[in-house]
Structures are given as C-alpha cells and as structure tokens.
Amino acid sequence: MIIIAGRPGQLGNQLIIYAHFLALARQRGFRLANPSFAPYSVYFRGTLDHSASEFIFRFVNVLARSLHRMNFRKGKFLRTVSIDWHERVDLDDPASVSLFDARLCFVLGWTYRGQKLISQNRAAICDFFTPGPGYMQQLDSFFQDNFKTTETVIGIHARRGDYRNFEKGRYFY
C-alpha cells in the first residue's frame, strides 16, 4: 500500500500528485491511501467515502518523517520514499516503481510524475475527481442559469497570495 504522507501545497498541487499516484496504483495494482487529501475529500466522487481527518494526516505525516529519519528506506514490509523539492521520480520508469515495493510505503515529496500513466488512466482519473452529486447540481444550475449552451466560457483561477513567500516571492505577481 502506498500512503501519500506529505501535503505539497493546496488543492491544485494535491490533485496533481494524487492523480499520478492514482494512475500508478491502477496500473500496478497497488492500494493507495491519501490522508493528506482529507480537507478536499467531500468535494469529489472518488473520495466521498474516504474517512480521513486532519488528525490522521498529521499522525501519518509525523510517523513517515520519523521513519524516514530512522532510515526505513528499503524494507519489504515498511518503507519511506522521500524526495527533495528539486528531485523527480519518473513513475513511468519500471525501475522507479520498485521504490514503492513494500507492504506499507509512505511517500513524501512533490515531483512524482508519470505522464504515460496519466494518459492511460485519464478516464478513471476524471471520473474519480468529478465533483460529488451536490456540487454537480450546483455547477449545472449555475451554467444553465447564466450561459447559453453555445457560449464559450473561460475561467480564471486567481491565486490569493500563497506564492508571496514561497521561493522568496519568485512566482508571485
């Protein structure tokens, strides 16, 4: 089982890392748990029945970091995989997949990517991250009430300052 034990940012970043590990889990038959996604689990079809909490995430996060410091990095039963901000793991590479080959594998870090895996599992990922029924009704009503079906709608995501301090404001505009 792979357990995403880190929280690399807010919803957008969380969706990216979750999607890549979801694709890996589907392709390789791994079980996947993501307690870091607890604050957002009520919004999506694939996570509605996941019962996680901030307490569980914090416990798992501290446990994973502690195990990593104690050098649990290669065990067959228990393992941690932690990468630095600027490191990258290619989930499309079979050699990289062996990093997660343990009964319980805690994952910390951000740039775990598998573009082929994402492409091959696109439909399942889209279904998993489809808004839950209540939110879909709200979205459908909003678009029916405000737009014609032939109109092109462009949405803008305005970040609200979370880049102000990250990397000394390098990406804050």
C-alpha atoms as a PDB file:
ATOM      1  CA  MET A   1       0.000   0.000   0.000  1.00  0.00           C
ATOM      2  CA  ILE A   2       1.237   3.454  -0.898  1.00  0.00           C
ATOM      3  CA  ILE A   3       0.345   6.170   1.591  1.00  0.00           C
ATOM      4  CA  ILE A   4       0.778   9.765   0.490  1.00  0.00           C
ATOM      5  CA  ALA A   5       2.083  11.197   3.740  1.00  0.00           C
ATOM      6  CA  GLY A   6       3.065  14.693   2.659  1.00  0.00           C
ATOM      7  CA  ARG A   7       0.977  17.681   1.673  1.00  0.00           C
ATOM      8  CA  PRO A   8       2.749  19.536  -1.116  1.00  0.00           C
ATOM      9  CA  GLY A   9       0.572  22.616  -1.335  1.00  0.00           C
ATOM     10  CA  GLN A  10      -3.088  23.335  -1.773  1.00  0.00           C
ATOM     11  CA  LEU A  11      -5.803  21.753  -3.900  1.00  0.00           C
ATOM     12  CA  GLY A  12      -4.126  22.149  -7.315  1.00  0.00           C
ATOM     13  CA  ASN A  13      -0.873  20.544  -6.201  1.00  0.00           C
ATOM     14  CA  GLN A  14      -2.778  17.900  -4.269  1.00  0.00           C
ATOM     15  CA  LEU A  15      -4.769  16.955  -7.371  1.00  0.00           C
ATOM     16  CA  ILE A  16      -1.584  16.595  -9.403  1.00  0.00           C
ATOM     17  CA  ILE A  17       0.219  14.260  -7.023  1.00  0.00           C
ATOM     18  CA  TYR A  18      -2.946  12.287  -6.229  1.00  0.00           C
ATOM     19  CA  ALA A  19      -3.719  11.787  -9.938  1.00  0.00           C
ATOM     20  CA  HIS A  20      -0.234  10.456 -10.675  1.00  0.00           C
ATOM     21  CA  PHE A  21      -0.308   8.006  -7.774  1.00  0.00           C
ATOM     22  CA  LEU A  22      -3.872   7.013  -8.607  1.00  0.00           C
ATOM     23  CA  ALA A  23      -2.721   6.136 -12.131  1.00  0.00           C
ATOM     24  CA  LEU A  24       0.256   4.192 -10.752  1.00  0.00           C
ATOM     25  CA  ALA A  25      -1.954   2.297  -8.307  1.00  0.00           C
ATOM     26  CA  ARG A  26      -4.435   1.369 -11.050  1.00  0.00           C
ATOM     27  CA  GLN A  27      -1.701   0.281 -13.443  1.00  0.00           C
ATOM     28  CA  ARG A  28       0.437  -1.691 -10.983  1.00  0.00           C
ATOM     29  CA  GLY A  29      -2.246  -2.994  -8.621  1.00  0.00           C
ATOM     30  CA  PHE A  30      -1.094  -1.017  -5.589  1.00  0.00           C
ATOM     31  CA  ARG A  31      -3.548   0.029  -2.903  1.00  0.00           C
ATOM     32  CA  LEU A  32      -3.453   3.768  -2.275  1.00  0.00           C
ATOM     33  CA  ALA A  33      -4.328   5.936   0.720  1.00  0.00           C
ATOM     34  CA  ASN A  34      -4.105   9.704   0.820  1.00  0.00           C
ATOM     35  CA  PRO A  35      -4.875  11.149   4.254  1.00  0.00           C
ATOM     36  CA  SER A  36      -3.355  14.466   3.137  1.00  0.00           C
ATOM     37  CA  PHE A  37      -6.396  14.974   0.878  1.00  0.00           C
ATOM     38  CA  ALA A  38      -8.818  14.960   3.849  1.00  0.00           C
ATOM     39  CA  PRO A  39      -9.811  18.652   3.615  1.00  0.00           C
ATOM     40  CA  TYR A  40     -10.926  18.160   0.000  1.00  0.00           C
ATOM     41  CA  SER A  41     -12.413  14.653   0.140  1.00  0.00           C
ATOM     42  CA  VAL A  42     -16.017  15.879   0.466  1.00  0.00           C
ATOM     43  CA  TYR A  43     -15.866  17.566  -2.939  1.00  0.00           C
ATOM     44  CA  PHE A  44     -15.111  14.628  -5.257  1.00  0.00           C
ATOM     45  CA  ARG A  45     -16.940  11.477  -6.284  1.00  0.00           C
ATOM     46  CA  GLY A  46     -13.915   9.223  -5.768  1.00  0.00           C
ATOM     47  CA  THR A  47     -13.167  10.439  -2.254  1.00  0.00           C
ATOM     48  CA  LEU A  48     -16.638  10.905  -0.774  1.00  0.00           C
ATOM     49  CA  ASP A  49     -16.464   7.710   1.276  1.00  0.00           C
ATOM     50  CA  HIS A  50     -12.871   8.200   2.451  1.00  0.00           C
ATOM     51  CA  SER A  51     -12.888   8.816   6.141  1.00  0.00           C
ATOM     52  CA  ALA A  52      -9.770  10.769   6.937  1.00  0.00           C
ATOM     53  CA  SER A  53      -9.206  13.724   9.170  1.00  0.00           C
ATOM     54  CA  GLU A  54      -6.592  16.363   9.788  1.00  0.00           C
ATOM     55  CA  PHE A  55      -5.562  14.438  12.904  1.00  0.00           C
ATOM     56  CA  ILE A  56      -4.955  11.256  10.878  1.00  0.00           C
ATOM     57  CA  PHE A  57      -2.969  13.203   8.293  1.00  0.00           C
ATOM     58  CA  ARG A  58      -0.775  14.836  10.946  1.00  0.00           C
ATOM     59  CA  PHE A  59      -0.164  11.493  12.649  1.00  0.00           C
ATOM     60  CA  VAL A  60       0.770   9.813   9.348  1.00  0.00           C
ATOM     61  CA  ASN A  61       2.970  12.750   8.347  1.00  0.00           C
ATOM     62  CA  VAL A  62       4.923  12.726  11.617  1.00  0.00           C
ATOM     63  CA  LEU A  63       5.187   8.922  11.508  1.00  0.00           C
ATOM     64  CA  ALA A  64       6.510   8.946   7.917  1.00  0.00           C
ATOM     65  CA  ARG A  65       9.072  11.672   8.606  1.00  0.00           C
ATOM     66  CA  SER A  66      10.214   9.871  11.768  1.00  0.00           C
ATOM     67  CA  LEU A  67      10.531   6.534   9.976  1.00  0.00           C
ATOM     68  CA  HIS A  68      12.491   8.207   7.197  1.00  0.00           C
ATOM     69  CA  ARG A  69      14.912   9.734   9.712  1.00  0.00           C
ATOM     70  CA  MET A  70      15.302   6.267  11.258  1.00  0.00           C
ATOM     71  CA  ASN A  71      16.310   5.003   7.804  1.00  0.00           C
ATOM     72  CA  PHE A  72      13.258   2.869   6.917  1.00  0.00           C
ATOM     73  CA  ARG A  73      14.009   3.232   3.221  1.00  0.00           C
ATOM     74  CA  LYS A  74      14.399  -0.243   1.753  1.00  0.00           C
ATOM     75  CA  GLY A  75      12.334  -2.642   3.848  1.00  0.00           C
ATOM     76  CA  LYS A  76       9.931  -5.128   2.290  1.00  0.00           C
ATOM     77  CA  PHE A  77       7.308  -4.545   4.994  1.00  0.00           C
ATOM     78  CA  LEU A  78       7.782  -0.881   5.867  1.00  0.00           C
ATOM     79  CA  ARG A  79       9.423   1.777   3.722  1.00  0.00           C
ATOM     80  CA  THR A  80       9.584   5.519   3.200  1.00  0.00           C
ATOM     81  CA  VAL A  81      10.324   7.319  -0.034  1.00  0.00           C
ATOM     82  CA  SER A  82      11.120  10.981   0.362  1.00  0.00           C
ATOM     83  CA  ILE A  83      12.349  13.304  -2.352  1.00  0.00           C
ATOM     84  CA  ASP A  84      13.574  16.866  -2.115  1.00  0.00           C
ATOM     85  CA  TRP A  85      11.746  19.741  -3.748  1.00  0.00           C
ATOM     86  CA  HIS A  86      14.014  19.714  -6.812  1.00  0.00           C
ATOM     87  CA  GLU A  87      14.230  15.907  -7.212  1.00  0.00           C
ATOM     88  CA  ARG A  88      11.944  13.981  -9.560  1.00  0.00           C
ATOM     89  CA  VAL A  89      10.730  10.372  -9.749  1.00  0.00           C
ATOM     90  CA  ASP A  90       9.506   9.099 -13.120  1.00  0.00           C
ATOM     91  CA  LEU A  91       6.575   6.795 -12.363  1.00  0.00           C
ATOM     92  CA  ASP A  92       6.584   5.608 -15.991  1.00  0.00           C
ATOM     93  CA  ASP A  93      10.011   4.011 -15.431  1.00  0.00           C
ATOM     94  CA  PRO A  94       9.667   0.416 -14.135  1.00  0.00           C
ATOM     95  CA  ALA A  95      12.892   0.838 -12.125  1.00  0.00           C
ATOM     96  CA  SER A  96      11.316   3.739 -10.215  1.00  0.00           C
ATOM     97  CA  VAL A  97       8.230   1.696  -9.407  1.00  0.00           C
ATOM     98  CA  SER A  98      10.368  -0.679  -7.350  1.00  0.00           C
ATOM     99  CA  LEU A  99      10.856   2.222  -4.893  1.00  0.00           C
ATOM    100  CA  PHE A 100       7.313   1.614  -3.641  1.00  0.00           C
ATOM    101  CA  ASP A 101       7.507  -2.180  -3.382  1.00  0.00           C
ATOM    102  CA  ALA A 102       6.663  -2.693   0.296  1.00  0.00           C
ATOM    103  CA  ARG A 103       3.583  -3.651   2.285  1.00  0.00           C
ATOM    104  CA  LEU A 104       3.396  -0.078   3.630  1.00  0.00           C
ATOM    105  CA  CYS A 105       5.204   2.621   1.715  1.00  0.00           C
ATOM    106  CA  PHE A 106       4.972   6.191   2.986  1.00  0.00           C
ATOM    107  CA  VAL A 107       5.606   8.806   0.293  1.00  0.00           C
ATOM    108  CA  LEU A 108       6.875  12.325   0.969  1.00  0.00           C
ATOM    109  CA  GLY A 109       7.732  14.852  -1.720  1.00  0.00           C
ATOM    110  CA  TRP A 110       6.234  16.556  -4.707  1.00  0.00           C
ATOM    111  CA  THR A 111       7.523  15.679  -8.163  1.00  0.00           C
ATOM    112  CA  TYR A 112       6.377  12.114  -8.651  1.00  0.00           C
ATOM    113  CA  ARG A 113       5.202  12.099 -12.264  1.00  0.00           C
ATOM    114  CA  GLY A 114       4.078   9.558 -14.834  1.00  0.00           C
ATOM    115  CA  GLN A 115       2.705  11.200 -17.971  1.00  0.00           C
ATOM    116  CA  LYS A 116       2.120   7.867 -19.757  1.00  0.00           C
ATOM    117  CA  LEU A 117       0.278   6.557 -16.698  1.00  0.00           C
ATOM    118  CA  ILE A 118      -1.878   9.694 -16.646  1.00  0.00           C
ATOM    119  CA  SER A 119      -2.727   9.298 -20.337  1.00  0.00           C
ATOM    120  CA  GLN A 120      -3.542   5.603 -19.976  1.00  0.00           C
ATOM    121  CA  ASN A 121      -5.791   6.186 -16.943  1.00  0.00           C
ATOM    122  CA  ARG A 122      -7.315   9.509 -17.949  1.00  0.00           C
ATOM    123  CA  ALA A 123     -10.953   8.386 -17.905  1.00  0.00           C
ATOM    124  CA  ALA A 124     -10.666   6.792 -14.454  1.00  0.00           C
ATOM    125  CA  ILE A 125      -8.888   9.864 -13.059  1.00  0.00           C
ATOM    126  CA  CYS A 126     -11.534  12.216 -14.487  1.00  0.00           C
ATOM    127  CA  ASP A 127     -14.278  10.044 -13.018  1.00  0.00           C
ATOM    128  CA  PHE A 128     -12.520   9.907  -9.625  1.00  0.00           C
ATOM    129  CA  PHE A 129     -12.177  13.705  -9.476  1.00  0.00           C
ATOM    130  CA  THR A 130     -15.653  14.501 -10.798  1.00  0.00           C
ATOM    131  CA  PRO A 131     -17.403  16.766  -8.300  1.00  0.00           C
ATOM    132  CA  GLY A 132     -19.766  14.965  -5.941  1.00  0.00           C
ATOM    133  CA  PRO A 133     -23.520  14.900  -6.703  1.00  0.00           C
ATOM    134  CA  GLY A 134     -24.465  18.011  -4.714  1.00  0.00           C
ATOM    135  CA  TYR A 135     -21.675  20.046  -6.272  1.00  0.00           C
ATOM    136  CA  MET A 136     -22.511  18.821  -9.787  1.00  0.00           C
ATOM    137  CA  GLN A 137     -26.108  20.025  -9.332  1.00  0.00           C
ATOM    138  CA  GLN A 138     -24.847  23.451  -8.243  1.00  0.00           C
ATOM    139  CA  LEU A 139     -22.495  23.650 -11.217  1.00  0.00           C
ATOM    140  CA  ASP A 140     -25.150  22.529 -13.695  1.00  0.00           C
ATOM    141  CA  SER A 141     -27.641  25.051 -12.308  1.00  0.00           C
ATOM    142  CA  PHE A 142     -25.089  27.859 -12.417  1.00  0.00           C
ATOM    143  CA  PHE A 143     -24.234  27.233 -16.064  1.00  0.00           C
ATOM    144  CA  GLN A 144     -27.862  26.721 -17.125  1.00  0.00           C
ATOM    145  CA  ASP A 145     -28.928  29.946 -15.396  1.00  0.00           C
ATOM    146  CA  ASN A 146     -26.050  32.113 -16.626  1.00  0.00           C
ATOM    147  CA  PHE A 147     -24.873  30.898 -20.020  1.00  0.00           C
ATOM    148  CA  LYS A 148     -26.251  29.743 -23.335  1.00  0.00           C
ATOM    149  CA  THR A 149     -25.165  26.258 -24.343  1.00  0.00           C
ATOM    150  CA  THR A 150     -23.366  27.679 -27.393  1.00  0.00           C
ATOM    151  CA  GLU A 151     -21.281  30.181 -25.414  1.00  0.00           C
ATOM    152  CA  THR A 152     -17.616  29.602 -24.711  1.00  0.00           C
ATOM    153  CA  VAL A 153     -16.853  30.126 -21.040  1.00  0.00           C
ATOM    154  CA  ILE A 154     -13.334  30.930 -19.902  1.00  0.00           C
ATOM    155  CA  GLY A 155     -12.491  30.568 -16.225  1.00  0.00           C
ATOM    156  CA  ILE A 156      -9.629  32.267 -14.448  1.00  0.00           C
ATOM    157  CA  HIS A 157      -8.002  30.909 -11.323  1.00  0.00           C
ATOM    158  CA  ALA A 158      -6.613  33.810  -9.323  1.00  0.00           C
ATOM    159  CA  ARG A 159      -4.103  32.730  -6.699  1.00  0.00           C
ATOM    160  CA  ARG A 160      -4.594  34.565  -3.446  1.00  0.00           C
ATOM    161  CA  GLY A 161      -1.061  35.162  -2.322  1.00  0.00           C
ATOM    162  CA  ASP A 162       0.221  31.707  -1.441  1.00  0.00           C
ATOM    163  CA  TYR A 163       3.241  32.441  -3.651  1.00  0.00           C
ATOM    164  CA  ARG A 164       4.041  35.662  -1.793  1.00  0.00           C
ATOM    165  CA  ASN A 165       6.591  33.895   0.448  1.00  0.00           C
ATOM    166  CA  PHE A 166       7.277  30.663  -1.469  1.00  0.00           C
ATOM    167  CA  GLU A 167      10.776  30.738  -3.035  1.00  0.00           C
ATOM    168  CA  LYS A 168      11.137  34.332  -1.742  1.00  0.00           C
ATOM    169  CA  GLY A 169       8.211  35.531  -3.889  1.00  0.00           C
ATOM    170  CA  ARG A 170       9.813  34.436  -7.151  1.00  0.00           C
ATOM    171  CA  TYR A 171       6.463  33.338  -8.646  1.00  0.00           C
ATOM    172  CA  PHE A 172       4.238  35.963  -7.035  1.00  0.00           C
ATOM    173  CA  TYR A 173       2.834  38.526  -9.485  1.00  0.00           C
END
